[in-house]
Amino acid sequence: MLTTKDARDSYLAAFEAVEASRAVAGWLAPIRKAAIARFAEVGFPSLRNEDWKYTDVSPIADTEFRWAALNERLHPGSLEPHWVGGTDVHRLVVVNGRYRGTLSSVGSLPRGVRIGSLAAALQDGADRLQAEFARLADYRGRPFTALNTALFEDGAVVFLPPETVIEWPIHVLYVTLGSAEPVVAHPRTLIVAGANSRLTVIESFVSLGDAPCLTNAVTEIVAEDGARIDHYKAGQDNDDSFHVGETAARLGRDSAVRSHVVTLGGRLVRNEYHAVLDGEGGDCTIHGLYLLNGRQHVDNHLRVEHGRPHCTSREFFKGVLADQSRGVFTGRIYVAEDAQKTDAKQTHMSLLLSEEARVESRPQLEIFADDVRCTHGATIGQVDDEALFYLRTRGLDADAARNLLVYGFAEDSLQQVRYEPLRRHLEKRLLDRLPQAVVRRDEL
């Protein structure tokens, strides 16, 4: 077992080894070096850090993860259960942090659109992408983001010129392929939507096999004036794996970003979402759902910054916790002095299925404008006894009735998923997380 200092030193050594062996664009090398220097300075976050007060990352720091080999073998058939939609989808596959063109199916694209390997796009010298890289995901204040910035090898890029509409969803499947030893991957996504463009992006994170692994992901989303983006993040790692991910979004004038974060796996998961409304009339909506059992721990940490007038934000998160699982929700709405006419609402609802399950709900408002409408609310409850009794009188046994109520609570969140094939896919995964032979589709 590593000490925290040993773990930090091992990542610093990995950076030196990787930096010496790879060809890095001149503009990118200083960013990587600054990021690893920041990580060397602060190390892994501790419980003394207010933002990590309820999430202990020592299980990550104490595990000696190795970098996966370049020749991972992966049969395309093993990916089939994780795809959504039919043939009308642009498919990208990233395995252990490396884009795999042979497993991807991008298809035909409108002129000027770029979808594919992030590393290739940055190496090609695309000025627009270089300008946005590491601009939103600030590694100076986030140790795991610093690690990703320093150590990422590849990922996915989605670039749309102004006035472009992508009819088919873009599905990026991030696979962490375990082995006899724990492995780590640092995938990265960069989405740039030009003015008045339209697109849907689905990010799925899965870990194949039963071995523990660490996925440390970063996604940056740029919505220029009038752009519309539907963004989904679905975490389906195995229950022995770790996932730390940051999504950072910047919204221009009259743009809209609608995100949905669903966590249905993982031993320890931290989802960070940071949105900046940087133009009048911006609209940001973030839905979330997590379903936990055993000793799973999921921490959803949100910050929405209103920097311009007449912007709207909505945050709706739901959690279901069983056994000895732990949930953390921190949602901060920040309203700048000039952001008059802000309309912001935040809601977190959690359902506890055992006396040992715990959830920490921390809604926060930081308001410096005087003409705003901002609200937040949090509820923590158990299965309604009267509803349970009613279902028992209709012929269901206690377990089936209980799971039916749990499904109904969670399904309400999934109804907000606009892309129907993804909604059906997540509904099936939700049912799989409930006890088998208790809830059947013909009972729903």
Protein backbone atom coordinates (compact mmCIF):
# COMPACT_ATOMS: atom_id res chain seq x y z
CA MET A 1 0.00 0.00 0.00
CA LEU A 2 1.28 3.45 -0.93
CA THR A 3 1.49 6.38 1.43
CA THR A 4 -0.03 9.66 0.22
CA LYS A 5 3.47 11.05 -0.40
CA ASP A 6 4.50 7.89 -2.28
CA ALA A 7 1.39 8.17 -4.44
CA ARG A 8 2.16 11.78 -5.31
CA ASP A 9 5.77 10.91 -6.13
CA SER A 10 4.68 8.02 -8.34
CA TYR A 11 2.55 10.36 -10.48
CA LEU A 12 5.40 12.85 -10.71
CA ALA A 13 7.72 10.07 -11.86
CA ALA A 14 5.13 8.92 -14.38
CA PHE A 15 4.95 12.43 -15.78
CA GLU A 16 8.72 12.58 -16.25
CA ALA A 17 8.72 9.21 -18.02
CA VAL A 18 5.81 10.07 -20.30
CA GLU A 19 7.08 13.57 -21.07
CA ALA A 20 10.45 12.22 -22.18
CA SER A 21 8.88 9.73 -24.59
CA ARG A 22 6.17 11.69 -26.35
CA ALA A 23 6.15 14.43 -28.94
CA VAL A 24 4.17 17.33 -27.50
CA ALA A 25 3.13 20.45 -29.37
CA GLY A 26 5.15 23.44 -28.23
CA TRP A 27 2.15 25.34 -26.88
CA LEU A 28 0.93 22.34 -24.87
CA ALA A 29 4.16 21.45 -23.05
CA PRO A 30 4.11 24.50 -20.71
CA ILE A 31 0.50 23.76 -19.77
CA ARG A 32 1.35 20.18 -18.87
CA LYS A 33 4.37 21.24 -16.83
CA ALA A 34 2.39 23.89 -14.97
CA ALA A 35 -0.33 21.34 -14.19
CA ILE A 36 2.04 18.72 -12.78
CA ALA A 37 3.82 21.43 -10.79
CA ARG A 38 0.50 22.39 -9.24
CA PHE A 39 -0.24 18.78 -8.34
CA ALA A 40 3.22 18.43 -6.84
CA GLU A 41 2.44 21.47 -4.70
CA VAL A 42 -0.99 20.48 -3.38
CA GLY A 43 -1.09 16.67 -3.72
CA PHE A 44 -4.31 14.75 -3.24
CA PRO A 45 -7.17 16.58 -1.46
CA SER A 46 -7.74 15.75 2.20
CA LEU A 47 -10.80 15.92 4.42
CA ARG A 48 -9.50 19.25 5.70
CA ASN A 49 -10.34 20.71 2.30
CA GLU A 50 -13.88 22.09 2.58
CA ASP A 51 -14.78 20.94 -0.94
CA TRP A 52 -13.73 17.38 -0.03
CA LYS A 53 -14.96 17.37 3.55
CA TYR A 54 -17.12 14.26 3.13
CA THR A 55 -15.13 12.36 0.50
CA ASP A 56 -11.99 10.50 1.49
CA VAL A 57 -9.77 9.84 -1.54
CA SER A 58 -7.17 7.83 0.37
CA PRO A 59 -8.40 4.59 -1.30
CA ILE A 60 -7.28 6.17 -4.59
CA ALA A 61 -4.03 7.58 -3.23
CA ASP A 62 -3.19 4.29 -1.50
CA THR A 63 -3.63 2.16 -4.64
CA GLU A 64 -0.70 1.70 -6.99
CA PHE A 65 -2.25 2.13 -10.42
CA ARG A 66 -0.24 1.37 -13.54
CA TRP A 67 -0.50 2.77 -17.04
CA ALA A 68 -2.15 0.34 -19.44
CA ALA A 69 -0.08 -1.14 -22.26
CA LEU A 70 -0.45 0.26 -25.76
CA ASN A 71 -1.65 -3.05 -27.21
CA GLU A 72 -4.85 -3.61 -25.25
CA ARG A 73 -6.93 -6.33 -26.87
CA LEU A 74 -10.61 -5.59 -27.05
CA HIS A 75 -13.18 -7.44 -29.13
CA PRO A 76 -15.82 -5.16 -30.69
CA GLY A 77 -18.54 -7.51 -29.47
CA SER A 78 -17.74 -6.64 -25.86
CA LEU A 79 -18.86 -3.07 -26.56
CA GLU A 80 -22.30 -3.93 -27.93
CA PRO A 81 -24.13 -3.89 -24.56
CA HIS A 82 -22.94 -0.33 -24.00
CA TRP A 83 -24.00 1.29 -27.27
CA VAL A 84 -27.20 3.31 -27.48
CA GLY A 85 -29.27 3.95 -30.57
CA GLY A 86 -29.02 2.13 -33.87
CA THR A 87 -26.93 3.03 -36.89
CA ASP A 88 -27.93 6.71 -36.79
CA VAL A 89 -25.24 7.59 -34.25
CA HIS A 90 -21.69 8.89 -34.58
CA ARG A 91 -19.65 6.47 -32.47
CA LEU A 92 -16.26 7.11 -30.90
CA VAL A 93 -14.32 4.69 -28.70
CA VAL A 94 -11.56 5.59 -26.26
CA VAL A 95 -9.85 2.67 -24.50
CA ASN A 96 -7.72 3.37 -21.43
CA GLY A 97 -7.43 6.99 -22.46
CA ARG A 98 -6.50 6.35 -26.11
CA TYR A 99 -8.75 6.94 -29.11
CA ARG A 100 -9.39 3.77 -31.13
CA GLY A 101 -10.30 4.59 -34.71
CA THR A 102 -10.70 0.91 -35.64
CA LEU A 103 -13.52 0.57 -33.11
CA SER A 104 -15.12 3.93 -33.92
CA SER A 105 -17.69 4.72 -36.60
CA VAL A 106 -17.86 8.45 -37.21
CA GLY A 107 -19.73 8.40 -40.53
CA SER A 108 -20.31 11.37 -42.82
CA LEU A 109 -20.19 14.86 -41.36
CA PRO A 110 -21.17 18.35 -42.50
CA ARG A 111 -18.40 20.50 -43.87
CA GLY A 112 -16.08 21.93 -41.23
CA VAL A 113 -17.17 19.52 -38.47
CA ARG A 114 -14.45 17.62 -36.66
CA ILE A 115 -15.17 14.55 -34.55
CA GLY A 116 -12.44 12.15 -33.48
CA SER A 117 -9.15 12.03 -31.61
CA LEU A 118 -8.43 14.99 -29.35
CA ALA A 119 -4.68 14.39 -29.44
CA ALA A 120 -4.66 14.45 -33.25
CA ALA A 121 -6.72 17.64 -33.34
CA LEU A 122 -4.43 19.44 -30.90
CA GLN A 123 -1.32 18.21 -32.72
CA ASP A 124 -2.68 19.49 -36.04
CA GLY A 125 -2.50 23.00 -34.70
CA ALA A 126 -6.18 23.96 -34.79
CA ASP A 127 -6.02 27.45 -33.27
CA ARG A 128 -9.66 27.44 -32.16
CA LEU A 129 -9.23 24.22 -30.18
CA GLN A 130 -5.92 25.30 -28.70
CA ALA A 131 -7.55 28.49 -27.44
CA GLU A 132 -10.22 26.55 -25.54
CA PHE A 133 -8.08 23.72 -24.16
CA ALA A 134 -7.62 23.95 -20.36
CA ARG A 135 -9.39 27.30 -20.34
CA LEU A 136 -12.48 26.16 -18.44
CA ALA A 137 -11.21 23.19 -16.42
CA ASP A 138 -8.93 25.07 -14.05
CA TYR A 139 -6.15 22.76 -12.85
CA ARG A 140 -4.87 25.36 -10.37
CA GLY A 141 -7.67 24.65 -7.92
CA ARG A 142 -8.42 20.99 -8.64
CA PRO A 143 -5.73 18.32 -8.07
CA PHE A 144 -7.37 15.62 -10.18
CA THR A 145 -7.88 18.05 -13.05
CA ALA A 146 -4.21 18.95 -12.75
CA LEU A 147 -3.31 15.26 -13.06
CA ASN A 148 -5.50 14.86 -16.13
CA THR A 149 -4.06 17.97 -17.77
CA ALA A 150 -0.51 16.76 -17.18
CA LEU A 151 -0.98 13.09 -18.03
CA PHE A 152 -3.82 12.75 -20.55
CA GLU A 153 -2.83 10.99 -23.76
CA ASP A 154 -5.97 11.32 -25.82
CA GLY A 155 -9.73 11.54 -25.77
CA ALA A 156 -12.44 12.93 -28.00
CA VAL A 157 -12.97 16.24 -29.77
CA VAL A 158 -16.24 17.60 -31.14
CA PHE A 159 -16.01 20.84 -33.12
CA LEU A 160 -18.93 22.48 -34.94
CA PRO A 161 -18.64 25.64 -37.04
CA PRO A 162 -21.35 28.32 -36.66
CA GLU A 163 -24.85 27.57 -37.98
CA THR A 164 -24.17 23.81 -38.07
CA VAL A 165 -26.70 21.21 -36.99
CA ILE A 166 -25.70 17.61 -36.22
CA GLU A 167 -28.84 15.49 -36.52
CA TRP A 168 -27.34 12.27 -35.15
CA PRO A 169 -26.17 12.04 -31.54
CA ILE A 170 -22.45 11.72 -30.92
CA HIS A 171 -21.75 8.82 -28.58
CA VAL A 172 -18.31 8.69 -26.96
CA LEU A 173 -17.70 5.38 -25.20
CA TYR A 174 -14.87 5.57 -22.67
CA VAL A 175 -13.67 2.09 -21.73
CA THR A 176 -11.26 1.32 -18.93
CA LEU A 177 -9.94 -2.18 -19.50
CA GLY A 178 -8.79 -3.77 -16.28
CA SER A 179 -6.17 -6.47 -15.86
CA ALA A 180 -4.48 -8.37 -13.05
CA GLU A 181 -3.17 -5.05 -11.71
CA PRO A 182 -5.17 -1.83 -11.21
CA VAL A 183 -4.90 0.53 -14.18
CA VAL A 184 -5.48 4.27 -14.56
CA ALA A 185 -6.76 6.32 -17.49
CA HIS A 186 -6.95 10.10 -17.94
CA PRO A 187 -9.35 10.67 -20.87
CA ARG A 188 -10.31 14.16 -21.97
CA THR A 189 -13.16 15.61 -24.02
CA LEU A 190 -13.35 18.99 -25.72
CA ILE A 191 -16.68 20.14 -27.20
CA VAL A 192 -16.81 23.44 -29.07
CA ALA A 193 -20.18 24.43 -30.57
CA GLY A 194 -20.10 27.48 -32.82
CA ALA A 195 -22.76 30.18 -32.82
CA ASN A 196 -26.30 28.88 -33.43
CA SER A 197 -25.15 25.28 -33.80
CA ARG A 198 -27.04 22.22 -32.46
CA LEU A 199 -25.80 18.85 -31.23
CA THR A 200 -26.26 16.01 -28.74
CA VAL A 201 -23.26 14.37 -27.05
CA ILE A 202 -23.38 11.23 -24.91
CA GLU A 203 -20.39 10.27 -22.78
CA SER A 204 -20.51 6.73 -21.40
CA PHE A 205 -17.90 5.51 -18.94
CA VAL A 206 -17.59 1.76 -18.44
CA SER A 207 -14.97 -0.51 -16.90
CA LEU A 208 -14.78 -4.00 -18.35
CA GLY A 209 -13.91 -6.88 -16.08
CA ASP A 210 -13.91 -7.07 -12.31
CA ALA A 211 -10.49 -5.55 -11.61
CA PRO A 212 -10.35 -2.15 -9.87
CA CYS A 213 -9.34 0.81 -12.01
CA LEU A 214 -9.27 4.59 -11.89
CA THR A 215 -10.81 6.84 -14.53
CA ASN A 216 -9.84 10.49 -14.09
CA ALA A 217 -11.79 12.38 -16.77
CA VAL A 218 -12.17 16.01 -17.81
CA THR A 219 -14.76 17.44 -20.21
CA GLU A 220 -14.80 21.03 -21.45
CA ILE A 221 -17.90 22.40 -23.21
CA VAL A 222 -18.02 25.69 -25.10
CA ALA A 223 -21.43 26.93 -26.26
CA GLU A 224 -21.04 30.03 -28.38
CA ASP A 225 -23.86 32.57 -28.81
CA GLY A 226 -27.14 30.88 -29.64
CA ALA A 227 -25.74 27.32 -29.52
CA ARG A 228 -27.84 24.44 -28.19
CA ILE A 229 -26.15 21.42 -26.60
CA ASP A 230 -27.70 18.33 -25.02
CA HIS A 231 -25.00 16.59 -23.00
CA TYR A 232 -25.24 13.30 -21.13
CA LYS A 233 -22.74 11.59 -18.85
CA ALA A 234 -23.48 8.01 -17.84
CA GLY A 235 -21.20 6.28 -15.32
CA GLN A 236 -21.42 2.49 -15.38
CA ASP A 237 -18.10 1.40 -13.88
CA ASN A 238 -17.83 -1.84 -11.96
CA ASP A 239 -18.38 -1.61 -8.22
CA ASP A 240 -14.68 -1.91 -7.36
CA SER A 241 -13.55 1.00 -9.53
CA PHE A 242 -12.95 4.70 -8.96
CA HIS A 243 -14.13 7.59 -11.10
CA VAL A 244 -13.27 11.26 -10.72
CA GLY A 245 -14.58 13.57 -13.41
CA GLU A 246 -14.94 17.29 -14.02
CA THR A 247 -17.29 18.85 -16.55
CA ALA A 248 -16.70 22.55 -17.19
CA ALA A 249 -19.03 24.55 -19.44
CA ARG A 250 -19.10 28.14 -20.70
CA LEU A 251 -22.33 29.52 -22.17
CA GLY A 252 -22.48 32.49 -24.50
CA ARG A 253 -25.35 34.87 -25.20
CA ASP A 254 -28.75 33.14 -25.64
CA SER A 255 -27.10 29.71 -25.61
CA ALA A 256 -28.43 26.64 -23.81
CA VAL A 257 -26.67 23.64 -22.31
CA ARG A 258 -28.80 20.83 -20.95
CA SER A 259 -26.84 18.14 -19.09
CA HIS A 260 -27.76 14.92 -17.36
CA VAL A 261 -25.36 13.07 -15.02
CA VAL A 262 -26.29 9.47 -14.18
CA THR A 263 -24.20 7.30 -11.86
CA LEU A 264 -25.04 3.60 -11.69
CA GLY A 265 -21.72 2.08 -10.66
CA GLY A 266 -18.36 2.63 -9.06
CA ARG A 267 -16.90 2.20 -5.59
CA LEU A 268 -15.98 5.87 -5.16
CA VAL A 269 -17.25 8.47 -7.63
CA ARG A 270 -16.79 12.23 -7.68
CA ASN A 271 -18.70 14.20 -10.32
CA GLU A 272 -17.79 17.88 -10.55
CA TYR A 273 -19.78 20.24 -12.76
CA HIS A 274 -18.80 23.87 -13.20
CA ALA A 275 -20.90 26.08 -15.48
CA VAL A 276 -20.29 29.75 -16.27
CA LEU A 277 -23.12 31.74 -17.87
CA ASP A 278 -21.04 34.31 -19.73
CA GLY A 279 -23.65 35.94 -21.99
CA GLU A 280 -27.09 37.45 -21.48
CA GLY A 281 -29.97 35.04 -21.90
CA GLY A 282 -27.94 31.92 -21.17
CA ASP A 283 -29.82 28.83 -19.98
CA CYS A 284 -28.17 25.96 -18.09
CA THR A 285 -30.00 22.87 -16.84
CA ILE A 286 -28.31 20.03 -14.97
CA HIS A 287 -30.21 16.87 -14.05
CA GLY A 288 -28.66 14.10 -12.02
CA LEU A 289 -29.44 10.61 -10.72
CA TYR A 290 -27.41 8.20 -8.61
CA LEU A 291 -28.37 4.75 -7.31
CA LEU A 292 -26.12 3.26 -4.63
CA ASN A 293 -25.84 0.08 -2.62
CA GLY A 294 -23.23 -1.79 -0.60
CA ARG A 295 -20.51 0.65 0.48
CA GLN A 296 -20.58 2.80 -2.64
CA HIS A 297 -19.77 6.49 -2.25
CA VAL A 298 -20.85 9.16 -4.77
CA ASP A 299 -20.10 12.86 -4.45
CA ASN A 300 -21.81 15.32 -6.81
CA HIS A 301 -20.22 18.76 -6.60
CA LEU A 302 -21.83 21.56 -8.64
CA ARG A 303 -21.07 25.25 -9.12
CA VAL A 304 -23.11 27.44 -11.46
CA GLU A 305 -21.84 30.99 -11.96
CA HIS A 306 -24.17 33.69 -13.25
CA GLY A 307 -21.93 36.36 -14.69
CA ARG A 308 -24.40 38.19 -16.97
CA PRO A 309 -28.00 39.45 -16.64
CA HIS A 310 -31.16 37.61 -17.67
CA CYS A 311 -29.75 34.08 -17.32
CA THR A 312 -31.52 30.97 -16.06
CA SER A 313 -30.19 27.86 -14.35
CA ARG A 314 -31.86 24.73 -13.01
CA GLU A 315 -30.31 21.90 -11.00
CA PHE A 316 -32.39 18.80 -10.21
CA PHE A 317 -30.63 15.83 -8.58
CA LYS A 318 -32.03 12.62 -7.14
CA GLY A 319 -30.31 9.89 -5.17
CA VAL A 320 -31.32 6.42 -3.98
CA LEU A 321 -29.12 4.94 -1.25
CA ALA A 322 -29.27 1.44 0.21
CA ASP A 323 -27.16 -0.64 2.60
CA GLN A 324 -24.16 1.34 3.93
CA SER A 325 -23.74 3.61 0.93
CA ARG A 326 -22.88 7.28 1.19
CA GLY A 327 -23.97 10.22 -0.95
CA VAL A 328 -22.79 13.82 -1.01
CA PHE A 329 -24.41 16.69 -2.88
CA THR A 330 -22.94 20.18 -2.92
CA GLY A 331 -24.64 22.73 -5.14
CA ARG A 332 -23.46 26.33 -5.21
CA ILE A 333 -25.18 29.09 -7.16
CA TYR A 334 -23.03 32.18 -7.57
CA VAL A 335 -24.57 35.43 -8.84
CA ALA A 336 -22.22 38.29 -9.75
CA GLU A 337 -23.04 41.89 -8.98
CA ASP A 338 -23.93 42.68 -12.60
CA ALA A 339 -26.03 39.55 -13.12
CA GLN A 340 -29.41 41.19 -12.52
CA LYS A 341 -32.64 39.33 -13.40
CA THR A 342 -31.03 35.99 -12.61
CA ASP A 343 -33.46 33.08 -12.26
CA ALA A 344 -31.89 30.07 -10.54
CA LYS A 345 -33.33 27.03 -8.83
CA GLN A 346 -31.65 24.06 -7.19
CA THR A 347 -33.30 20.89 -5.85
CA HIS A 348 -31.78 17.75 -4.33
CA MET A 349 -33.98 14.81 -3.31
CA SER A 350 -32.68 11.61 -1.75
CA LEU A 351 -34.35 8.35 -0.79
CA LEU A 352 -32.77 6.26 1.97
CA LEU A 353 -33.54 2.55 1.88
CA SER A 354 -31.72 1.53 5.06
CA GLU A 355 -30.93 2.97 8.45
CA GLU A 356 -27.19 2.80 7.70
CA ALA A 357 -27.29 4.77 4.44
CA ARG A 358 -26.18 8.40 4.72
CA VAL A 359 -26.39 11.48 2.57
CA GLU A 360 -24.92 14.96 3.03
CA SER A 361 -26.84 17.68 1.19
CA ARG A 362 -25.24 21.12 1.03
CA PRO A 363 -27.16 23.69 -1.05
CA GLN A 364 -25.44 27.08 -1.18
CA LEU A 365 -26.28 30.53 -2.54
CA GLU A 366 -23.73 33.31 -3.04
CA ILE A 367 -25.56 36.37 -4.37
CA PHE A 368 -24.16 39.85 -5.02
CA ALA A 369 -27.01 41.20 -7.19
CA ASP A 370 -30.26 42.60 -5.76
CA ASP A 371 -32.79 41.83 -8.51
CA VAL A 372 -32.78 38.04 -8.68
CA ARG A 373 -34.96 35.02 -8.06
CA CYS A 374 -32.90 32.20 -6.50
CA THR A 375 -34.17 29.22 -4.54
CA HIS A 376 -32.80 25.95 -3.27
CA GLY A 377 -34.30 22.97 -1.52
CA ALA A 378 -33.32 19.55 -0.22
CA THR A 379 -35.38 16.59 0.99
CA ILE A 380 -34.27 13.32 2.57
CA GLY A 381 -36.85 10.63 3.12
CA GLN A 382 -37.76 6.97 3.10
CA VAL A 383 -40.24 4.86 1.15
CA ASP A 384 -43.76 6.05 1.86
CA ASP A 385 -45.53 3.51 4.10
CA GLU A 386 -48.99 4.36 2.77
CA ALA A 387 -47.91 3.91 -0.85
CA LEU A 388 -46.23 0.65 0.12
CA PHE A 389 -49.38 -0.56 1.84
CA TYR A 390 -51.48 0.35 -1.20
CA LEU A 391 -49.30 -1.69 -3.54
CA ARG A 392 -49.40 -4.63 -1.13
CA THR A 393 -53.19 -4.54 -1.30
CA ARG A 394 -52.91 -4.78 -5.11
CA GLY A 395 -51.15 -8.14 -4.86
CA LEU A 396 -47.45 -7.26 -4.84
CA ASP A 397 -45.17 -8.70 -2.18
CA ALA A 398 -43.16 -6.35 0.04
CA ASP A 399 -39.96 -6.43 -2.04
CA ALA A 400 -41.73 -5.92 -5.35
CA ALA A 401 -43.81 -3.05 -3.97
CA ARG A 402 -40.77 -1.38 -2.47
CA ASN A 403 -38.73 -1.64 -5.66
CA LEU A 404 -41.61 -0.37 -7.73
CA LEU A 405 -41.70 2.80 -5.62
CA VAL A 406 -37.94 3.17 -5.89
CA TYR A 407 -38.11 2.75 -9.65
CA GLY A 408 -40.84 5.38 -9.89
CA PHE A 409 -38.76 7.83 -7.85
CA ALA A 410 -35.70 7.38 -10.07
CA GLU A 411 -37.59 7.07 -13.34
CA ASP A 412 -38.91 10.57 -12.92
CA SER A 413 -35.36 11.83 -13.43
CA LEU A 414 -34.76 9.65 -16.48
CA GLN A 415 -37.87 11.05 -18.12
CA GLN A 416 -35.87 14.23 -18.61
CA VAL A 417 -33.55 12.40 -21.03
CA ARG A 418 -34.67 13.65 -24.44
CA TYR A 419 -32.91 11.03 -26.57
CA GLU A 420 -35.25 8.04 -26.31
CA PRO A 421 -32.73 5.22 -27.05
CA LEU A 422 -30.51 6.52 -24.25
CA ARG A 423 -33.48 6.78 -21.90
CA ARG A 424 -34.43 3.14 -22.58
CA HIS A 425 -30.81 2.08 -22.12
CA LEU A 426 -30.58 3.81 -18.73
CA GLU A 427 -33.96 2.44 -17.65
CA LYS A 428 -32.68 -1.06 -18.29
CA ARG A 429 -29.51 -0.35 -16.32
CA LEU A 430 -31.64 1.04 -13.51
CA LEU A 431 -33.68 -2.17 -13.40
CA ASP A 432 -30.48 -4.22 -13.42
CA ARG A 433 -29.38 -2.44 -10.25
CA LEU A 434 -32.58 -3.51 -8.48
CA PRO A 435 -32.96 -7.12 -7.23
CA GLN A 436 -33.66 -9.50 -10.09
CA ALA A 437 -37.04 -11.23 -10.36
CA VAL A 438 -38.58 -8.58 -8.14
CA VAL A 439 -39.37 -5.84 -10.62
CA ARG A 440 -40.31 -6.95 -14.12
CA ARG A 441 -41.12 -4.74 -17.06
CA ASP A 442 -44.66 -6.12 -17.23
CA GLU A 443 -45.20 -4.85 -13.66
CA LEU A 444 -44.19 -1.28 -14.52
